[in-house]
Amino acid sequence: MVVCILIGAAAQAGSALFLQSLIDTYILPMVGESNPDWAPLLRAISLMGCLYMAGIVTSWAWQWLIITVEQGTLKKIRDDMFAHQQKL
């Protein structure tokens, strides 16, 4: 659970920093060129996509874990309550 939180937080923080680096390092130098080389920009964008995908997957995993624990707890409470009511 903690791993999902840490990876998700790192993905959020890293995406903002990576976006700044993407603009400063790849996009702005290409503005004045007549024949720009797109390969480094495409590699950087695909790396950024992987970073976003890691954030999405860990966020989904975190939510799935929370829902699983929550539903299990509710079932146990309901079962205990039903068993207690049957004794009455």
PDB file of N, CA and C in Angstrom:
ATOM      1  N   MET A   1       0.822  -1.194   0.000  1.00  0.00           N
ATOM      2  CA  MET A   1       0.000   0.000   0.000  1.00  0.00           C
ATOM      3  C   MET A   1       0.865   1.256   0.000  1.00  0.00           C
ATOM      4  N   VAL A   2       1.862   1.239   0.859  1.00  0.00           N
ATOM      5  CA  VAL A   2       2.729   2.409   0.972  1.00  0.00           C
ATOM      6  C   VAL A   2       3.506   2.617  -0.318  1.00  0.00           C
ATOM      7  N   VAL A   3       3.871   1.518  -0.960  1.00  0.00           N
ATOM      8  CA  VAL A   3       4.614   1.613  -2.219  1.00  0.00           C
ATOM      9  C   VAL A   3       3.775   2.324  -3.276  1.00  0.00           C
ATOM     10  N   CYS A   4       2.491   2.018  -3.329  1.00  0.00           N
ATOM     11  CA  CYS A   4       1.599   2.677  -4.294  1.00  0.00           C
ATOM     12  C   CYS A   4       1.532   4.177  -4.037  1.00  0.00           C
ATOM     13  N   ILE A   5       1.453   4.551  -2.773  1.00  0.00           N
ATOM     14  CA  ILE A   5       1.396   5.977  -2.434  1.00  0.00           C
ATOM     15  C   ILE A   5       2.684   6.669  -2.845  1.00  0.00           C
ATOM     16  N   LEU A   6       3.824   6.051  -2.533  1.00  0.00           N
ATOM     17  CA  LEU A   6       5.113   6.669  -2.856  1.00  0.00           C
ATOM     18  C   LEU A   6       5.324   6.790  -4.365  1.00  0.00           C
ATOM     19  N   ILE A   7       5.001   5.742  -5.091  1.00  0.00           N
ATOM     20  CA  ILE A   7       5.176   5.798  -6.549  1.00  0.00           C
ATOM     21  C   ILE A   7       4.220   6.812  -7.169  1.00  0.00           C
ATOM     22  N   GLY A   8       2.982   6.857  -6.683  1.00  0.00           N
ATOM     23  CA  GLY A   8       2.020   7.837  -7.196  1.00  0.00           C
ATOM     24  C   GLY A   8       2.451   9.265  -6.919  1.00  0.00           C
ATOM     25  N   ALA A   9       2.969   9.513  -5.713  1.00  0.00           N
ATOM     26  CA  ALA A   9       3.444  10.860  -5.375  1.00  0.00           C
ATOM     27  C   ALA A   9       4.666  11.229  -6.206  1.00  0.00           C
ATOM     28  N   ALA A  10       5.568  10.269  -6.396  1.00  0.00           N
ATOM     29  CA  ALA A  10       6.750  10.533  -7.220  1.00  0.00           C
ATOM     30  C   ALA A  10       6.355  10.801  -8.669  1.00  0.00           C
ATOM     31  N   ALA A  11       5.357  10.099  -9.160  1.00  0.00           N
ATOM     32  CA  ALA A  11       4.896  10.321 -10.539  1.00  0.00           C
ATOM     33  C   ALA A  11       4.279  11.700 -10.692  1.00  0.00           C
ATOM     34  N   GLN A  12       3.519  12.144  -9.692  1.00  0.00           N
ATOM     35  CA  GLN A  12       2.925  13.481  -9.766  1.00  0.00           C
ATOM     36  C   GLN A  12       4.000  14.559  -9.717  1.00  0.00           C
ATOM     37  N   ALA A  13       4.926  14.431  -8.782  1.00  0.00           N
ATOM     38  CA  ALA A  13       5.987  15.435  -8.669  1.00  0.00           C
ATOM     39  C   ALA A  13       6.908  15.383  -9.881  1.00  0.00           C
ATOM     40  N   GLY A  14       7.235  14.177 -10.317  1.00  0.00           N
ATOM     41  CA  GLY A  14       8.124  14.027 -11.463  1.00  0.00           C
ATOM     42  C   GLY A  14       7.523  14.545 -12.751  1.00  0.00           C
ATOM     43  N   SER A  15       6.210  14.429 -12.896  1.00  0.00           N
ATOM     44  CA  SER A  15       5.588  14.898 -14.137  1.00  0.00           C
ATOM     45  C   SER A  15       5.686  16.409 -14.275  1.00  0.00           C
ATOM     46  N   ALA A  16       5.550  17.136 -13.168  1.00  0.00           N
ATOM     47  CA  ALA A  16       5.677  18.597 -13.236  1.00  0.00           C
ATOM     48  C   ALA A  16       7.112  18.995 -13.564  1.00  0.00           C
ATOM     49  N   LEU A  17       8.076  18.346 -12.930  1.00  0.00           N
ATOM     50  CA  LEU A  17       9.476  18.652 -13.215  1.00  0.00           C
ATOM     51  C   LEU A  17       9.856  18.224 -14.631  1.00  0.00           C
ATOM     52  N   PHE A  18       9.343  17.094 -15.057  1.00  0.00           N
ATOM     53  CA  PHE A  18       9.654  16.594 -16.385  1.00  0.00           C
ATOM     54  C   PHE A  18       9.061  17.491 -17.463  1.00  0.00           C
ATOM     55  N   LEU A  19       7.894  18.043 -17.207  1.00  0.00           N
ATOM     56  CA  LEU A  19       7.263  18.945 -18.166  1.00  0.00           C
ATOM     57  C   LEU A  19       8.106  20.204 -18.351  1.00  0.00           C
ATOM     58  N   GLN A  20       8.646  20.726 -17.251  1.00  0.00           N
ATOM     59  CA  GLN A  20       9.521  21.897 -17.342  1.00  0.00           C
ATOM     60  C   GLN A  20      10.766  21.564 -18.157  1.00  0.00           C
ATOM     61  N   SER A  21      11.369  20.420 -17.875  1.00  0.00           N
ATOM     62  CA  SER A  21      12.552  19.995 -18.617  1.00  0.00           C
ATOM     63  C   SER A  21      12.224  19.754 -20.087  1.00  0.00           C
ATOM     64  N   LEU A  22      11.064  19.207 -20.353  1.00  0.00           N
ATOM     65  CA  LEU A  22      10.643  18.941 -21.729  1.00  0.00           C
ATOM     66  C   LEU A  22      10.552  20.233 -22.533  1.00  0.00           C
ATOM     67  N   ILE A  23       9.964  21.241 -21.938  1.00  0.00           N
ATOM     68  CA  ILE A  23       9.818  22.523 -22.638  1.00  0.00           C
ATOM     69  C   ILE A  23      11.165  23.202 -22.816  1.00  0.00           C
ATOM     70  N   ASP A  24      11.942  23.286 -21.731  1.00  0.00           N
ATOM     71  CA  ASP A  24      13.213  24.009 -21.785  1.00  0.00           C
ATOM     72  C   ASP A  24      14.263  23.308 -22.640  1.00  0.00           C
ATOM     73  N   THR A  25      14.331  21.996 -22.564  1.00  0.00           N
ATOM     74  CA  THR A  25      15.403  21.266 -23.232  1.00  0.00           C
ATOM     75  C   THR A  25      15.063  20.871 -24.664  1.00  0.00           C
ATOM     76  N   TYR A  26      13.814  20.526 -24.921  1.00  0.00           N
ATOM     77  CA  TYR A  26      13.469  19.967 -26.227  1.00  0.00           C
ATOM     78  C   TYR A  26      12.648  20.904 -27.107  1.00  0.00           C
ATOM     79  N   ILE A  27      11.642  21.553 -26.535  1.00  0.00           N
ATOM     80  CA  ILE A  27      10.713  22.317 -27.368  1.00  0.00           C
ATOM     81  C   ILE A  27      11.263  23.690 -27.733  1.00  0.00           C
ATOM     82  N   LEU A  28      11.737  24.450 -26.754  1.00  0.00           N
ATOM     83  CA  LEU A  28      12.224  25.804 -27.044  1.00  0.00           C
ATOM     84  C   LEU A  28      13.401  25.833 -28.020  1.00  0.00           C
ATOM     85  N   PRO A  29      14.393  24.933 -27.925  1.00  0.00           N
ATOM     86  CA  PRO A  29      15.467  24.961 -28.932  1.00  0.00           C
ATOM     87  C   PRO A  29      14.996  24.635 -30.347  1.00  0.00           C
ATOM     88  N   MET A  30      13.883  23.942 -30.487  1.00  0.00           N
ATOM     89  CA  MET A  30      13.392  23.573 -31.814  1.00  0.00           C
ATOM     90  C   MET A  30      12.564  24.669 -32.468  1.00  0.00           C
ATOM     91  N   VAL A  31      12.221  25.718 -31.724  1.00  0.00           N
ATOM     92  CA  VAL A  31      11.322  26.746 -32.252  1.00  0.00           C
ATOM     93  C   VAL A  31      11.924  27.457 -33.459  1.00  0.00           C
ATOM     94  N   GLY A  32      13.182  27.823 -33.424  1.00  0.00           N
ATOM     95  CA  GLY A  32      13.771  28.597 -34.511  1.00  0.00           C
ATOM     96  C   GLY A  32      14.370  27.771 -35.626  1.00  0.00           C
ATOM     97  N   GLU A  33      14.430  26.475 -35.484  1.00  0.00           N
ATOM     98  CA  GLU A  33      15.075  25.638 -36.489  1.00  0.00           C
ATOM     99  C   GLU A  33      14.164  25.416 -37.695  1.00  0.00           C
ATOM    100  N   SER A  34      14.785  25.362 -38.866  1.00  0.00           N
ATOM    101  CA  SER A  34      14.002  25.129 -40.081  1.00  0.00           C
ATOM    102  C   SER A  34      13.734  23.635 -40.296  1.00  0.00           C
ATOM    103  N   ASN A  35      14.668  22.800 -39.868  1.00  0.00           N
ATOM    104  CA  ASN A  35      14.504  21.351 -40.008  1.00  0.00           C
ATOM    105  C   ASN A  35      14.828  20.692 -38.659  1.00  0.00           C
ATOM    106  N   PRO A  36      13.881  20.705 -37.727  1.00  0.00           N
ATOM    107  CA  PRO A  36      14.178  20.184 -36.384  1.00  0.00           C
ATOM    108  C   PRO A  36      14.238  18.659 -36.350  1.00  0.00           C
ATOM    109  N   ASP A  37      15.036  18.150 -35.419  1.00  0.00           N
ATOM    110  CA  ASP A  37      15.137  16.714 -35.187  1.00  0.00           C
ATOM    111  C   ASP A  37      14.103  16.333 -34.122  1.00  0.00           C
ATOM    112  N   TRP A  38      13.113  15.552 -34.525  1.00  0.00           N
ATOM    113  CA  TRP A  38      12.003  15.215 -33.628  1.00  0.00           C
ATOM    114  C   TRP A  38      12.288  14.001 -32.748  1.00  0.00           C
ATOM    115  N   ALA A  39      13.324  13.233 -33.049  1.00  0.00           N
ATOM    116  CA  ALA A  39      13.576  11.985 -32.324  1.00  0.00           C
ATOM    117  C   ALA A  39      13.785  12.199 -30.821  1.00  0.00           C
ATOM    118  N   PRO A  40      14.619  13.151 -30.386  1.00  0.00           N
ATOM    119  CA  PRO A  40      14.775  13.335 -28.937  1.00  0.00           C
ATOM    120  C   PRO A  40      13.478  13.766 -28.253  1.00  0.00           C
ATOM    121  N   LEU A  41      12.697  14.601 -28.925  1.00  0.00           N
ATOM    122  CA  LEU A  41      11.424  15.043 -28.350  1.00  0.00           C
ATOM    123  C   LEU A  41      10.450  13.872 -28.227  1.00  0.00           C
ATOM    124  N   LEU A  42      10.394  13.020 -29.237  1.00  0.00           N
ATOM    125  CA  LEU A  42       9.500  11.864 -29.182  1.00  0.00           C
ATOM    126  C   LEU A  42       9.916  10.880 -28.090  1.00  0.00           C
ATOM    127  N   ARG A  43      11.241  10.693 -27.911  1.00  0.00           N
ATOM    128  CA  ARG A  43      11.711   9.831 -26.821  1.00  0.00           C
ATOM    129  C   ARG A  43      11.323  10.409 -25.474  1.00  0.00           C
ATOM    130  N   ALA A  44      11.474  11.717 -25.319  1.00  0.00           N
ATOM    131  CA  ALA A  44      11.126  12.363 -24.052  1.00  0.00           C
ATOM    132  C   ALA A  44       9.624  12.287 -23.788  1.00  0.00           C
ATOM    133  N   ILE A  45       8.819  12.464 -24.830  1.00  0.00           N
ATOM    134  CA  ILE A  45       7.362  12.379 -24.657  1.00  0.00           C
ATOM    135  C   ILE A  45       6.944  10.949 -24.310  1.00  0.00           C
ATOM    136  N   SER A  46       7.583   9.958 -24.926  1.00  0.00           N
ATOM    137  CA  SER A  46       7.244   8.571 -24.585  1.00  0.00           C
ATOM    138  C   SER A  46       7.672   8.241 -23.159  1.00  0.00           C
ATOM    139  N   LEU A  47       8.791   8.788 -22.706  1.00  0.00           N
ATOM    140  CA  LEU A  47       9.209   8.609 -21.315  1.00  0.00           C
ATOM    141  C   LEU A  47       8.220   9.278 -20.364  1.00  0.00           C
ATOM    142  N   MET A  48       7.744  10.440 -20.752  1.00  0.00           N
ATOM    143  CA  MET A  48       6.741  11.131 -19.942  1.00  0.00           C
ATOM    144  C   MET A  48       5.442  10.329 -19.906  1.00  0.00           C
ATOM    145  N   GLY A  49       5.071   9.732 -21.011  1.00  0.00           N
ATOM    146  CA  GLY A  49       3.894   8.867 -21.039  1.00  0.00           C
ATOM    147  C   GLY A  49       4.044   7.673 -20.106  1.00  0.00           C
ATOM    148  N   CYS A  50       5.245   7.101 -20.052  1.00  0.00           N
ATOM    149  CA  CYS A  50       5.494   5.993 -19.124  1.00  0.00           C
ATOM    150  C   CYS A  50       5.378   6.456 -17.680  1.00  0.00           C
ATOM    151  N   LEU A  51       5.836   7.663 -17.402  1.00  0.00           N
ATOM    152  CA  LEU A  51       5.718   8.217 -16.054  1.00  0.00           C
ATOM    153  C   LEU A  51       4.255   8.405 -15.676  1.00  0.00           C
ATOM    154  N   TYR A  52       3.467   8.947 -16.593  1.00  0.00           N
ATOM    155  CA  TYR A  52       2.031   9.097 -16.338  1.00  0.00           C
ATOM    156  C   TYR A  52       1.349   7.735 -16.180  1.00  0.00           C
ATOM    157  N   MET A  53       1.747   6.766 -16.987  1.00  0.00           N
ATOM    158  CA  MET A  53       1.155   5.432 -16.890  1.00  0.00           C
ATOM    159  C   MET A  53       1.476   4.795 -15.540  1.00  0.00           C
ATOM    160  N   ALA A  54       2.692   4.986 -15.051  1.00  0.00           N
ATOM    161  CA  ALA A  54       3.041   4.460 -13.725  1.00  0.00           C
ATOM    162  C   ALA A  54       2.166   5.097 -12.657  1.00  0.00           C
ATOM    163  N   GLY A  55       1.911   6.394 -12.772  1.00  0.00           N
ATOM    164  CA  GLY A  55       1.030   7.067 -11.822  1.00  0.00           C
ATOM    165  C   GLY A  55      -0.391   6.547 -11.891  1.00  0.00           C
ATOM    166  N   ILE A  56      -0.876   6.288 -13.094  1.00  0.00           N
ATOM    167  CA  ILE A  56      -2.239   5.772 -13.265  1.00  0.00           C
ATOM    168  C   ILE A  56      -2.361   4.369 -12.673  1.00  0.00           C
ATOM    169  N   VAL A  57      -1.388   3.514 -12.965  1.00  0.00           N
ATOM    170  CA  VAL A  57      -1.443   2.134 -12.478  1.00  0.00           C
ATOM    171  C   VAL A  57      -1.368   2.091 -10.957  1.00  0.00           C
ATOM    172  N   THR A  58      -0.463   2.869 -10.365  1.00  0.00           N
ATOM    173  CA  THR A  58      -0.357   2.849  -8.903  1.00  0.00           C
ATOM    174  C   THR A  58      -1.581   3.469  -8.247  1.00  0.00           C
ATOM    175  N   SER A  59      -2.155   4.480  -8.860  1.00  0.00           N
ATOM    176  CA  SER A  59      -3.385   5.060  -8.316  1.00  0.00           C
ATOM    177  C   SER A  59      -4.517   4.044  -8.369  1.00  0.00           C
ATOM    178  N   TRP A  60      -4.634   3.317  -9.471  1.00  0.00           N
ATOM    179  CA  TRP A  60      -5.656   2.284  -9.586  1.00  0.00           C
ATOM    180  C   TRP A  60      -5.431   1.186  -8.553  1.00  0.00           C
ATOM    181  N   ALA A  61      -4.171   0.752  -8.398  1.00  0.00           N
ATOM    182  CA  ALA A  61      -3.867  -0.309  -7.432  1.00  0.00           C
ATOM    183  C   ALA A  61      -4.193   0.136  -6.013  1.00  0.00           C
ATOM    184  N   TRP A  62      -3.874   1.379  -5.692  1.00  0.00           N
ATOM    185  CA  TRP A  62      -4.181   1.907  -4.360  1.00  0.00           C
ATOM    186  C   TRP A  62      -5.689   1.917  -4.120  1.00  0.00           C
ATOM    187  N   GLN A  63      -6.447   2.401  -5.071  1.00  0.00           N
ATOM    188  CA  GLN A  63      -7.899   2.435  -4.924  1.00  0.00           C
ATOM    189  C   GLN A  63      -8.479   1.025  -4.819  1.00  0.00           C
ATOM    190  N   TRP A  64      -7.964   0.090  -5.595  1.00  0.00           N
ATOM    191  CA  TRP A  64      -8.435  -1.286  -5.542  1.00  0.00           C
ATOM    192  C   TRP A  64      -8.163  -1.901  -4.173  1.00  0.00           C
ATOM    193  N   LEU A  65      -6.974  -1.654  -3.616  1.00  0.00           N
ATOM    194  CA  LEU A  65      -6.648  -2.170  -2.288  1.00  0.00           C
ATOM    195  C   LEU A  65      -7.570  -1.589  -1.225  1.00  0.00           C
ATOM    196  N   ILE A  66      -7.810  -0.296  -1.294  1.00  0.00           N
ATOM    197  CA  ILE A  66      -8.680   0.358  -0.312  1.00  0.00           C
ATOM    198  C   ILE A  66     -10.100  -0.209  -0.408  1.00  0.00           C
ATOM    199  N   ILE A  67     -10.602  -0.369  -1.613  1.00  0.00           N
ATOM    200  CA  ILE A  67     -11.959  -0.890  -1.797  1.00  0.00           C
ATOM    201  C   ILE A  67     -12.051  -2.328  -1.293  1.00  0.00           C
ATOM    202  N   THR A  68     -11.030  -3.131  -1.571  1.00  0.00           N
ATOM    203  CA  THR A  68     -11.034  -4.519  -1.108  1.00  0.00           C
ATOM    204  C   THR A  68     -11.060  -4.596   0.412  1.00  0.00           C
ATOM    205  N   VAL A  69     -10.234  -3.799   1.065  1.00  0.00           N
ATOM    206  CA  VAL A  69     -10.204  -3.788   2.530  1.00  0.00           C
ATOM    207  C   VAL A  69     -11.531  -3.284   3.085  1.00  0.00           C
ATOM    208  N   GLU A  70     -12.052  -2.225   2.485  1.00  0.00           N
ATOM    209  CA  GLU A  70     -13.320  -1.656   2.954  1.00  0.00           C
ATOM    210  C   GLU A  70     -14.463  -2.658   2.835  1.00  0.00           C
ATOM    211  N   GLN A  71     -14.567  -3.316   1.695  1.00  0.00           N
ATOM    212  CA  GLN A  71     -15.649  -4.273   1.496  1.00  0.00           C
ATOM    213  C   GLN A  71     -15.509  -5.479   2.427  1.00  0.00           C
ATOM    214  N   GLY A  72     -14.280  -5.920   2.658  1.00  0.00           N
ATOM    215  CA  GLY A  72     -14.063  -7.025   3.586  1.00  0.00           C
ATOM    216  C   GLY A  72     -14.458  -6.666   5.010  1.00  0.00           C
ATOM    217  N   THR A  73     -14.139  -5.442   5.413  1.00  0.00           N
ATOM    218  CA  THR A  73     -14.505  -4.980   6.752  1.00  0.00           C
ATOM    219  C   THR A  73     -16.015  -4.878   6.891  1.00  0.00           C
ATOM    220  N   LEU A  74     -16.673  -4.327   5.898  1.00  0.00           N
ATOM    221  CA  LEU A  74     -18.134  -4.226   5.947  1.00  0.00           C
ATOM    222  C   LEU A  74     -18.796  -5.603   6.002  1.00  0.00           C
ATOM    223  N   LYS A  75     -18.268  -6.557   5.251  1.00  0.00           N
ATOM    224  CA  LYS A  75     -18.832  -7.910   5.277  1.00  0.00           C
ATOM    225  C   LYS A  75     -18.674  -8.533   6.654  1.00  0.00           C
ATOM    226  N   LYS A  76     -17.522  -8.351   7.267  1.00  0.00           N
ATOM    227  CA  LYS A  76     -17.310  -8.914   8.605  1.00  0.00           C
ATOM    228  C   LYS A  76     -18.267  -8.281   9.614  1.00  0.00           C
ATOM    229  N   ILE A  77     -18.451  -6.978   9.545  1.00  0.00           N
ATOM    230  CA  ILE A  77     -19.380  -6.303  10.458  1.00  0.00           C
ATOM    231  C   ILE A  77     -20.799  -6.808  10.242  1.00  0.00           C
ATOM    232  N   ARG A  78     -21.206  -6.953   8.985  1.00  0.00           N
ATOM    233  CA  ARG A  78     -22.560  -7.448   8.694  1.00  0.00           C
ATOM    234  C   ARG A  78     -22.750  -8.881   9.183  1.00  0.00           C
ATOM    235  N   ASP A  79     -21.741  -9.724   8.957  1.00  0.00           N
ATOM    236  CA  ASP A  79     -21.840 -11.112   9.412  1.00  0.00           C
ATOM    237  C   ASP A  79     -21.931 -11.194  10.932  1.00  0.00           C
ATOM    238  N   ASP A  80     -21.116 -10.395  11.621  1.00  0.00           N
ATOM    239  CA  ASP A  80     -21.166 -10.377  13.087  1.00  0.00           C
ATOM    240  C   ASP A  80     -22.520  -9.881  13.584  1.00  0.00           C
ATOM    241  N   MET A  81     -23.044  -8.853  12.946  1.00  0.00           N
ATOM    242  CA  MET A  81     -24.337  -8.308  13.349  1.00  0.00           C
ATOM    243  C   MET A  81     -25.456  -9.326  13.088  1.00  0.00           C
ATOM    244  N   PHE A  82     -25.392 -10.002  11.948  1.00  0.00           N
ATOM    245  CA  PHE A  82     -26.405 -11.007  11.635  1.00  0.00           C
ATOM    246  C   PHE A  82     -26.350 -12.164  12.635  1.00  0.00           C
ATOM    247  N   ALA A  83     -25.129 -12.615  12.955  1.00  0.00           N
ATOM    248  CA  ALA A  83     -24.990 -13.708  13.927  1.00  0.00           C
ATOM    249  C   ALA A  83     -25.520 -13.288  15.292  1.00  0.00           C
ATOM    250  N   HIS A  84     -25.257 -12.051  15.683  1.00  0.00           N
ATOM    251  CA  HIS A  84     -25.756 -11.556  16.968  1.00  0.00           C
ATOM    252  C   HIS A  84     -27.285 -11.473  16.962  1.00  0.00           C
ATOM    253  N   GLN A  85     -27.865 -11.022  15.860  1.00  0.00           N
ATOM    254  CA  GLN A  85     -29.327 -10.918  15.789  1.00  0.00           C
ATOM    255  C   GLN A  85     -29.983 -12.298  15.789  1.00  0.00           C
ATOM    256  N   GLN A  86     -29.311 -13.290  15.242  1.00  0.00           N
ATOM    257  CA  GLN A  86     -29.866 -14.643  15.239  1.00  0.00           C
ATOM    258  C   GLN A  86     -29.917 -15.235  16.648  1.00  0.00           C
ATOM    259  N   LYS A  87     -29.012 -14.782  17.515  1.00  0.00           N
ATOM    260  CA  LYS A  87     -29.000 -15.260  18.897  1.00  0.00           C
ATOM    261  C   LYS A  87     -30.134 -14.660  19.714  1.00  0.00           C
ATOM    262  N   LEU A  88     -30.653 -13.497  19.283  1.00  0.00           N
ATOM    263  CA  LEU A  88     -31.710 -12.833  20.062  1.00  0.00           C
ATOM    264  C   LEU A  88     -33.017 -13.526  20.009  1.00  0.00           C
TER     265      LEU A  88
END
